[in-house]
């Protein structure tokens, strides 16, 4: 009997470990593999032969793993480049050394590209006993073909909850004020749009539409004139028509060649104050908190992430199953339910699923009812949380 590896890559989320827990649990129920290795720090760690044995994980550890935020196996921003043949040769040698038949790789766009690249290499070399399966994960919710990505719903729930709580806070004072909430979202506005679930957002600025300063400031003034307050949500990836970011602080790249953003909220604050549209502005940048905050996980999100891992494991029993991503499909029925499906990873890699423009109201005034119908079911329910000494219990990261 051969072995498998599960590994994680890219930005973490609050439910990414539930997918790993699903693969492990599925193999305990139906042992397709003798050993389930956890690859530490993604492809980067696998190339260094850094593994942990997850095969006989206890039920309690599996349960706590599901509520543990961030990447328990560690992550990486290592770009597996097709022209770097030595990396491919070394990885296949390591898989042979440890008798690893299947690599389950959990991540976003670049991780699906890794799955596609490794599968292509195996096919070119006539290697039929090494297989690669992608499991989607990204709080940005920007992977195509899958209805939504595990991790997004919990981040959306946190953002909507934070919007409501900060709105209550800012409204205790009679003074004039604009409150600006900045979310993640380099290319897609799903996270920023999810703040509208709170029901209190006045203006939401998404990356899908080039930023119009004059229109935006006019809308802020309307809010201020009407109620002396304005609650604004802005995505970090918002750009001007010429393609430059609003973000004040832009670094070179994150290891995958993507701009590291942050500062869109402050950029908007400065333009509001400099134009004297309002007397006072406050900025709340959710930064890392929106993807690692796990005490308000969406029950739907945790359960779907876990079941997706189980589905990926089950499908891998087919010896021809490789180069695929296992996604989530919403069933066409009134009551929310999903099913899992597989698609070629190369059809997902390096493409971005944008927030639909037809779901955006004009002049930054929010989102449509169709958008609410899409978003609301995803944030429903809360898992039963296991506590230790008054705080949620977490698995000690395996890379430690």
Protein backbone atom coordinates (compact mmCIF):
# COMPACT_ATOMS: atom_id res chain seq x y z
CA UNK A 1 0.00 0.00 0.00
CA UNK A 2 1.35 3.42 -0.98
CA UNK A 3 1.37 6.65 1.03
CA UNK A 4 0.09 10.19 0.52
CA UNK A 5 1.11 13.72 1.49
CA UNK A 6 -1.15 16.60 2.45
CA UNK A 7 0.33 20.10 2.32
CA UNK A 8 -0.72 23.74 2.42
CA UNK A 9 0.41 26.79 0.44
CA UNK A 10 -0.26 30.50 0.16
CA UNK A 11 -2.22 32.63 2.61
CA UNK A 12 -3.88 30.73 5.47
CA UNK A 13 -7.53 30.81 6.48
CA UNK A 14 -9.53 29.87 9.57
CA UNK A 15 -10.73 26.57 8.05
CA UNK A 16 -7.81 25.41 5.91
CA UNK A 17 -6.95 22.77 8.51
CA UNK A 18 -10.44 21.29 8.28
CA UNK A 19 -9.58 20.07 4.77
CA UNK A 20 -6.48 18.34 6.12
CA UNK A 21 -8.59 16.85 8.92
CA UNK A 22 -11.01 15.57 6.27
CA UNK A 23 -8.30 13.78 4.31
CA UNK A 24 -6.92 12.18 7.49
CA UNK A 25 -10.34 11.13 8.76
CA UNK A 26 -11.34 9.71 5.37
CA UNK A 27 -8.20 7.57 5.27
CA UNK A 28 -8.92 6.26 8.78
CA UNK A 29 -12.39 5.24 7.64
CA UNK A 30 -11.23 3.90 4.27
CA UNK A 31 -7.46 3.30 4.35
CA UNK A 32 -6.44 3.87 0.74
CA UNK A 33 -2.98 4.89 1.98
CA UNK A 34 -0.78 3.24 4.60
CA UNK A 35 0.63 6.55 5.83
CA UNK A 36 -0.74 10.09 5.59
CA UNK A 37 2.22 12.44 5.72
CA UNK A 38 1.86 16.12 6.44
CA UNK A 39 4.26 18.11 4.30
CA UNK A 40 5.62 21.01 6.34
CA UNK A 41 5.68 24.44 4.64
CA UNK A 42 4.24 23.24 1.36
CA UNK A 43 6.38 22.37 -1.65
CA UNK A 44 9.31 24.19 -0.08
CA UNK A 45 9.30 21.83 2.91
CA UNK A 46 8.55 18.73 0.87
CA UNK A 47 11.67 19.42 -1.21
CA UNK A 48 13.55 19.41 2.12
CA UNK A 49 11.91 16.12 3.17
CA UNK A 50 10.19 17.72 6.16
CA UNK A 51 7.23 15.52 7.08
CA UNK A 52 5.03 14.65 10.03
CA UNK A 53 2.95 11.46 10.34
CA UNK A 54 -0.77 12.27 10.64
CA UNK A 55 -2.09 8.75 9.99
CA UNK A 56 -3.24 7.84 13.49
CA UNK A 57 -4.49 11.24 14.62
CA UNK A 58 -6.93 10.89 17.50
CA UNK A 59 -10.57 11.93 17.14
CA UNK A 60 -10.00 14.74 19.66
CA UNK A 61 -6.99 16.08 17.76
CA UNK A 62 -8.91 15.88 14.49
CA UNK A 63 -11.80 17.81 16.02
CA UNK A 64 -9.51 20.51 17.45
CA UNK A 65 -7.60 20.70 14.16
CA UNK A 66 -10.82 21.74 12.44
CA UNK A 67 -11.17 24.77 14.72
CA UNK A 68 -7.47 25.68 14.55
CA UNK A 69 -6.86 28.75 12.38
CA UNK A 70 -3.96 29.38 10.01
CA UNK A 71 -1.90 26.62 8.39
CA UNK A 72 -1.09 23.99 11.01
CA UNK A 73 1.37 22.37 8.60
CA UNK A 74 2.97 25.70 7.76
CA UNK A 75 2.72 27.43 4.40
CA UNK A 76 5.05 28.80 1.74
CA UNK A 77 5.24 31.31 -1.08
CA UNK A 78 7.50 29.04 -3.11
CA UNK A 79 6.83 29.30 -6.83
CA UNK A 80 7.34 25.98 -8.63
CA UNK A 81 8.52 27.18 -12.03
CA UNK A 82 8.15 24.86 -15.00
CA UNK A 83 11.58 25.75 -16.34
CA UNK A 84 13.24 24.71 -13.08
CA UNK A 85 13.43 21.01 -13.93
CA UNK A 86 15.65 20.22 -10.93
CA UNK A 87 12.77 20.95 -8.54
CA UNK A 88 10.51 18.57 -10.43
CA UNK A 89 13.14 15.83 -10.55
CA UNK A 90 13.88 16.18 -6.84
CA UNK A 91 10.23 16.15 -5.82
CA UNK A 92 9.52 12.99 -7.80
CA UNK A 93 12.62 11.36 -6.29
CA UNK A 94 11.34 12.21 -2.79
CA UNK A 95 7.90 10.83 -3.60
CA UNK A 96 9.51 7.61 -4.77
CA UNK A 97 11.74 7.45 -1.69
CA UNK A 98 8.75 7.68 0.65
CA UNK A 99 6.47 5.63 -1.60
CA UNK A 100 4.09 8.58 -1.95
CA UNK A 101 1.47 8.03 -4.61
CA UNK A 102 -0.70 11.14 -4.09
CA UNK A 103 -0.02 14.73 -3.07
CA UNK A 104 -3.05 16.70 -1.84
CA UNK A 105 -2.22 20.39 -2.14
CA UNK A 106 -4.46 22.95 -0.43
CA UNK A 107 -4.26 26.53 -1.61
CA UNK A 108 -5.32 29.18 -4.09
CA UNK A 109 -4.46 30.09 -7.66
CA UNK A 110 -0.73 29.44 -7.45
CA UNK A 111 -1.26 26.18 -5.59
CA UNK A 112 -3.59 24.95 -8.35
CA UNK A 113 -0.88 25.93 -10.82
CA UNK A 114 1.52 23.70 -8.86
CA UNK A 115 -0.94 20.79 -9.09
CA UNK A 116 -1.28 21.37 -12.84
CA UNK A 117 2.47 21.69 -13.40
CA UNK A 118 3.34 18.51 -11.51
CA UNK A 119 0.64 16.56 -13.31
CA UNK A 120 1.87 17.83 -16.68
CA UNK A 121 5.43 16.83 -15.84
CA UNK A 122 4.34 13.32 -14.82
CA UNK A 123 2.40 12.93 -18.06
CA UNK A 124 5.32 14.14 -20.18
CA UNK A 125 7.67 11.67 -18.47
CA UNK A 126 5.22 8.78 -18.62
CA UNK A 127 5.02 8.57 -14.81
CA UNK A 128 1.69 6.99 -13.91
CA UNK A 129 2.16 6.18 -10.21
CA UNK A 130 2.43 9.76 -8.90
CA UNK A 131 -0.74 11.83 -8.66
CA UNK A 132 -1.64 15.38 -7.65
CA UNK A 133 -4.95 16.69 -6.28
CA UNK A 134 -5.85 20.30 -5.51
CA UNK A 135 -8.13 21.44 -2.71
CA UNK A 136 -9.23 25.10 -2.97
CA UNK A 137 -8.59 27.57 -0.20
CA UNK A 138 -8.61 31.33 -0.35
CA UNK A 139 -10.39 33.97 1.71
CA UNK A 140 -10.40 36.11 -1.45
CA UNK A 141 -12.96 33.70 -2.98
CA UNK A 142 -11.42 34.34 -6.40
CA UNK A 143 -11.00 30.82 -7.79
CA UNK A 144 -13.06 30.14 -10.89
CA UNK A 145 -15.52 27.26 -11.39
CA UNK A 146 -16.01 26.47 -7.69
CA UNK A 147 -19.10 28.21 -6.28
CA UNK A 148 -17.04 29.52 -3.36
CA UNK A 149 -13.76 28.75 -1.64
CA UNK A 150 -13.38 27.25 1.84
CA UNK A 151 -12.15 30.02 4.11
CA UNK A 152 -14.09 32.83 2.46
CA UNK A 153 -17.31 32.33 4.42
CA UNK A 154 -15.66 32.54 7.84
CA UNK A 155 -13.71 35.64 6.80
CA UNK A 156 -16.95 37.14 5.46
CA UNK A 157 -18.72 36.41 8.73
CA UNK A 158 -15.92 38.06 10.71
CA UNK A 159 -15.95 41.12 8.44
CA UNK A 160 -19.73 41.55 8.61
CA UNK A 161 -19.69 41.11 12.39
CA UNK A 162 -16.82 43.58 12.77
CA UNK A 163 -18.63 46.09 10.56
CA UNK A 164 -21.71 45.92 12.77
CA UNK A 165 -19.71 46.19 15.99
CA UNK A 166 -17.57 49.12 14.85
CA UNK A 167 -20.65 50.89 13.44
CA UNK A 168 -22.28 50.66 16.87
CA UNK A 169 -19.11 52.06 18.40
CA UNK A 170 -18.76 55.04 16.04
CA UNK A 171 -22.40 56.03 16.42
CA UNK A 172 -22.26 56.59 20.19
CA UNK A 173 -20.83 60.06 19.52
CA UNK A 174 -22.78 62.98 18.05
CA UNK A 175 -19.71 64.30 16.22
CA UNK A 176 -19.35 64.17 12.45
CA UNK A 177 -17.30 61.14 11.39
CA UNK A 178 -16.43 58.84 8.50
CA UNK A 179 -15.41 55.31 9.48
CA UNK A 180 -13.39 53.35 6.92
CA UNK A 181 -13.01 49.57 7.08
CA UNK A 182 -10.27 48.12 4.86
CA UNK A 183 -10.43 44.47 3.83
CA UNK A 184 -8.23 42.12 1.86
CA UNK A 185 -8.93 41.54 -1.83
CA UNK A 186 -6.12 42.17 -4.28
CA UNK A 187 -8.10 41.54 -7.46
CA UNK A 188 -11.61 40.69 -6.31
CA UNK A 189 -14.05 42.43 -4.00
CA UNK A 190 -15.78 39.47 -2.37
CA UNK A 191 -14.52 40.24 1.13
CA UNK A 192 -15.34 43.94 1.02
CA UNK A 193 -18.79 43.16 -0.39
CA UNK A 194 -19.45 40.72 2.45
CA UNK A 195 -19.38 43.63 4.92
CA UNK A 196 -22.76 44.62 3.46
CA UNK A 197 -24.25 41.58 5.23
CA UNK A 198 -24.15 43.73 8.37
CA UNK A 199 -26.84 45.98 6.90
CA UNK A 200 -25.04 49.16 8.00
CA UNK A 201 -22.58 49.90 5.15
CA UNK A 202 -23.15 53.21 3.37
CA UNK A 203 -20.50 52.91 0.66
CA UNK A 204 -18.45 49.94 -0.55
CA UNK A 205 -15.50 50.36 -2.92
CA UNK A 206 -14.46 47.24 -4.87
CA UNK A 207 -11.52 46.54 -7.23
CA UNK A 208 -13.80 45.49 -10.11
CA UNK A 209 -14.62 49.09 -11.02
CA UNK A 210 -11.96 51.82 -11.47
CA UNK A 211 -12.11 54.33 -8.63
CA UNK A 212 -13.77 57.66 -9.38
CA UNK A 213 -12.65 60.14 -6.73
CA UNK A 214 -15.21 62.84 -7.54
CA UNK A 215 -18.19 60.46 -7.50
CA UNK A 216 -17.00 58.85 -4.28
CA UNK A 217 -16.48 62.14 -2.42
CA UNK A 218 -19.89 63.36 -3.57
CA UNK A 219 -21.50 60.21 -2.11
CA UNK A 220 -19.62 60.65 1.18
CA UNK A 221 -20.90 64.23 1.40
CA UNK A 222 -24.47 63.06 0.82
CA UNK A 223 -24.17 60.68 3.76
CA UNK A 224 -22.59 63.31 5.99
CA UNK A 225 -25.26 65.85 5.10
CA UNK A 226 -28.02 63.33 5.80
CA UNK A 227 -26.87 61.80 9.10
CA UNK A 228 -23.50 63.27 10.09
CA UNK A 229 -21.90 59.82 9.66
CA UNK A 230 -20.67 57.66 6.79
CA UNK A 231 -19.53 54.04 7.00
CA UNK A 232 -17.18 53.09 4.14
CA UNK A 233 -15.72 49.69 3.26
CA UNK A 234 -12.82 49.52 0.81
CA UNK A 235 -10.91 46.60 -0.67
CA UNK A 236 -7.12 46.83 -0.55
CA UNK A 237 -6.88 46.23 -4.32
CA UNK A 238 -8.90 49.23 -5.52
CA UNK A 239 -7.26 51.02 -8.47
CA UNK A 240 -7.55 54.28 -10.34
CA UNK A 241 -8.51 54.15 -14.05
CA UNK A 242 -4.79 54.19 -14.99
CA UNK A 243 -4.21 50.96 -13.04
CA UNK A 244 -2.35 52.40 -10.06
CA UNK A 245 -3.44 51.32 -6.59
CA UNK A 246 -5.07 53.58 -4.04
CA UNK A 247 -2.97 51.76 -1.47
CA UNK A 248 -0.39 54.06 0.02
CA UNK A 249 2.07 51.30 0.80
CA UNK A 250 2.91 48.91 -2.03
CA UNK A 251 5.78 46.45 -1.72
CA UNK A 252 7.46 44.57 -4.57
CA UNK A 253 5.84 41.16 -4.31
CA UNK A 254 4.77 38.37 -1.98
CA UNK A 255 6.95 35.60 -3.41
CA UNK A 256 4.41 34.67 -6.07
CA UNK A 257 4.95 37.97 -7.88
CA UNK A 258 1.82 39.65 -6.51
CA UNK A 259 1.88 43.20 -5.15
CA UNK A 260 1.76 43.35 -1.35
CA UNK A 261 -0.94 45.88 -0.60
CA UNK A 262 -2.14 47.87 2.37
CA UNK A 263 -3.11 51.47 2.83
CA UNK A 264 -6.24 51.93 0.69
CA UNK A 265 -8.17 52.98 3.79
CA UNK A 266 -5.65 55.65 4.68
CA UNK A 267 -5.57 56.87 1.08
CA UNK A 268 -9.35 57.39 1.22
CA UNK A 269 -9.07 59.02 4.64
CA UNK A 270 -6.54 61.53 3.31
CA UNK A 271 -8.63 62.46 0.27
CA UNK A 272 -11.72 62.98 2.47
CA UNK A 273 -9.87 65.22 4.92
CA UNK A 274 -7.91 67.13 2.28
CA UNK A 275 -11.12 67.85 0.33
CA UNK A 276 -12.84 68.87 3.59
CA UNK A 277 -15.69 66.50 2.77
CA UNK A 278 -15.77 65.52 6.44
CA UNK A 279 -14.12 66.77 9.64
CA UNK A 280 -12.99 63.44 11.03
CA UNK A 281 -12.08 59.98 9.68
CA UNK A 282 -11.06 56.78 11.36
CA UNK A 283 -9.54 53.75 9.60
CA UNK A 284 -9.75 50.11 10.70
CA UNK A 285 -7.52 47.83 8.63
CA UNK A 286 -8.56 44.23 9.28
CA UNK A 287 -5.21 42.99 7.95
CA UNK A 288 -4.33 39.46 9.11
CA UNK A 289 -7.27 39.22 11.52
CA UNK A 290 -9.82 38.60 8.77
CA UNK A 291 -8.20 35.35 7.69
CA UNK A 292 -7.00 33.96 11.06
CA UNK A 293 -9.89 34.86 13.33
CA UNK A 294 -11.48 31.48 14.06
CA UNK A 295 -13.69 31.89 17.12
CA UNK A 296 -16.48 33.05 14.82
CA UNK A 297 -16.09 30.41 12.12
CA UNK A 298 -19.05 29.75 9.87
CA UNK A 299 -20.38 26.26 10.56
CA UNK A 300 -21.16 25.91 6.84
CA UNK A 301 -17.54 26.80 6.04
CA UNK A 302 -15.98 24.33 8.49
CA UNK A 303 -18.21 21.45 7.46
CA UNK A 304 -17.72 22.06 3.73
CA UNK A 305 -13.95 22.33 4.10
CA UNK A 306 -13.87 19.04 6.04
CA UNK A 307 -16.13 17.24 3.54
CA UNK A 308 -14.10 18.59 0.62
CA UNK A 309 -11.00 16.91 2.09
CA UNK A 310 -12.93 13.68 2.45
CA UNK A 311 -14.19 13.96 -1.14
CA UNK A 312 -10.67 14.55 -2.47
CA UNK A 313 -9.43 11.45 -0.61
CA UNK A 314 -12.32 9.32 -1.89
CA UNK A 315 -11.76 10.39 -5.50
CA UNK A 316 -8.07 9.55 -5.24
CA UNK A 317 -8.99 5.88 -4.99
CA UNK A 318 -9.27 6.14 -8.78
CA UNK A 319 -5.70 5.56 -10.00
CA UNK A 320 -6.33 7.86 -12.98
CA UNK A 321 -7.41 10.78 -10.81
CA UNK A 322 -4.70 13.43 -11.07
CA UNK A 323 -4.26 17.06 -12.07
CA UNK A 324 -7.69 17.83 -10.66
CA UNK A 325 -9.13 20.33 -8.19
CA UNK A 326 -12.10 19.26 -6.06
CA UNK A 327 -14.60 22.12 -5.92
CA UNK A 328 -17.94 23.04 -4.41
CA UNK A 329 -21.13 23.28 -6.47
CA UNK A 330 -24.33 24.84 -5.13
CA UNK A 331 -27.38 22.71 -5.81
CA UNK A 332 -30.18 24.36 -7.74
CA UNK A 333 -32.83 24.29 -5.04
CA UNK A 334 -34.50 26.68 -2.62
CA UNK A 335 -32.81 25.36 0.52
CA UNK A 336 -29.01 25.79 0.51
CA UNK A 337 -27.00 22.64 -0.15
CA UNK A 338 -23.84 21.76 -2.06
CA UNK A 339 -22.15 18.87 -3.80
CA UNK A 340 -18.51 18.29 -4.66
CA UNK A 341 -17.07 17.92 -8.13
CA UNK A 342 -13.70 17.72 -9.86
CA UNK A 343 -12.23 19.91 -12.57
CA UNK A 344 -8.83 20.08 -14.28
CA UNK A 345 -6.54 22.25 -12.14
CA UNK A 346 -5.18 24.03 -15.21
CA UNK A 347 -8.66 25.45 -15.83
CA UNK A 348 -8.53 27.12 -12.41
CA UNK A 349 -4.89 28.15 -12.09
CA UNK A 350 -3.98 31.76 -12.89
CA UNK A 351 -7.55 32.91 -13.47
CA UNK A 352 -9.47 35.30 -11.22
CA UNK A 353 -13.18 35.14 -10.39
CA UNK A 354 -14.28 38.72 -9.89
CA UNK A 355 -17.23 39.94 -7.87
CA UNK A 356 -19.95 40.33 -10.55
CA UNK A 357 -20.37 43.93 -11.65
CA UNK A 358 -24.08 43.34 -12.06
CA UNK A 359 -24.21 42.68 -8.29
CA UNK A 360 -22.82 46.15 -7.53
CA UNK A 361 -25.07 49.17 -7.05
CA UNK A 362 -24.11 52.42 -8.75
CA UNK A 363 -22.00 55.05 -7.00
CA UNK A 364 -20.63 52.64 -4.36
CA UNK A 365 -24.06 52.33 -2.74
CA UNK A 366 -23.80 48.62 -1.90
CA UNK A 367 -24.75 45.29 -3.46
CA UNK A 368 -27.87 43.81 -5.02
CA UNK A 369 -30.33 41.33 -3.54
CA UNK A 370 -28.85 38.63 -5.79
CA UNK A 371 -25.50 39.16 -4.06
CA UNK A 372 -27.15 38.85 -0.65
CA UNK A 373 -28.79 35.59 -1.72
CA UNK A 374 -25.38 34.24 -2.68
CA UNK A 375 -23.61 35.41 0.50
CA UNK A 376 -26.12 34.85 3.31
CA UNK A 377 -26.20 31.01 3.36
CA UNK A 378 -22.41 30.82 3.57
CA UNK A 379 -22.08 32.48 6.98
CA UNK A 380 -24.79 30.47 8.75
CA UNK A 381 -24.23 28.58 11.98
CA UNK A 382 -21.40 28.35 14.47
CA UNK A 383 -19.49 25.17 15.32
CA UNK A 384 -19.30 23.94 18.90
CA UNK A 385 -15.92 25.22 20.09
CA UNK A 386 -13.69 23.24 22.44
CA UNK A 387 -12.06 25.53 25.03
CA UNK A 388 -8.99 25.27 27.24
CA UNK A 389 -8.49 27.75 30.08
CA UNK A 390 -11.13 30.05 28.68
CA UNK A 391 -9.81 30.33 25.11
CA UNK A 392 -10.37 28.08 22.08
CA UNK A 393 -8.17 24.99 22.01
CA UNK A 394 -5.78 24.82 19.07
CA UNK A 395 -3.45 22.17 17.74
CA UNK A 396 0.18 23.15 18.24
CA UNK A 397 1.46 23.85 14.71
CA UNK A 398 3.14 20.72 13.37
CA UNK A 399 6.02 22.75 11.93
CA UNK A 400 6.92 23.68 15.51
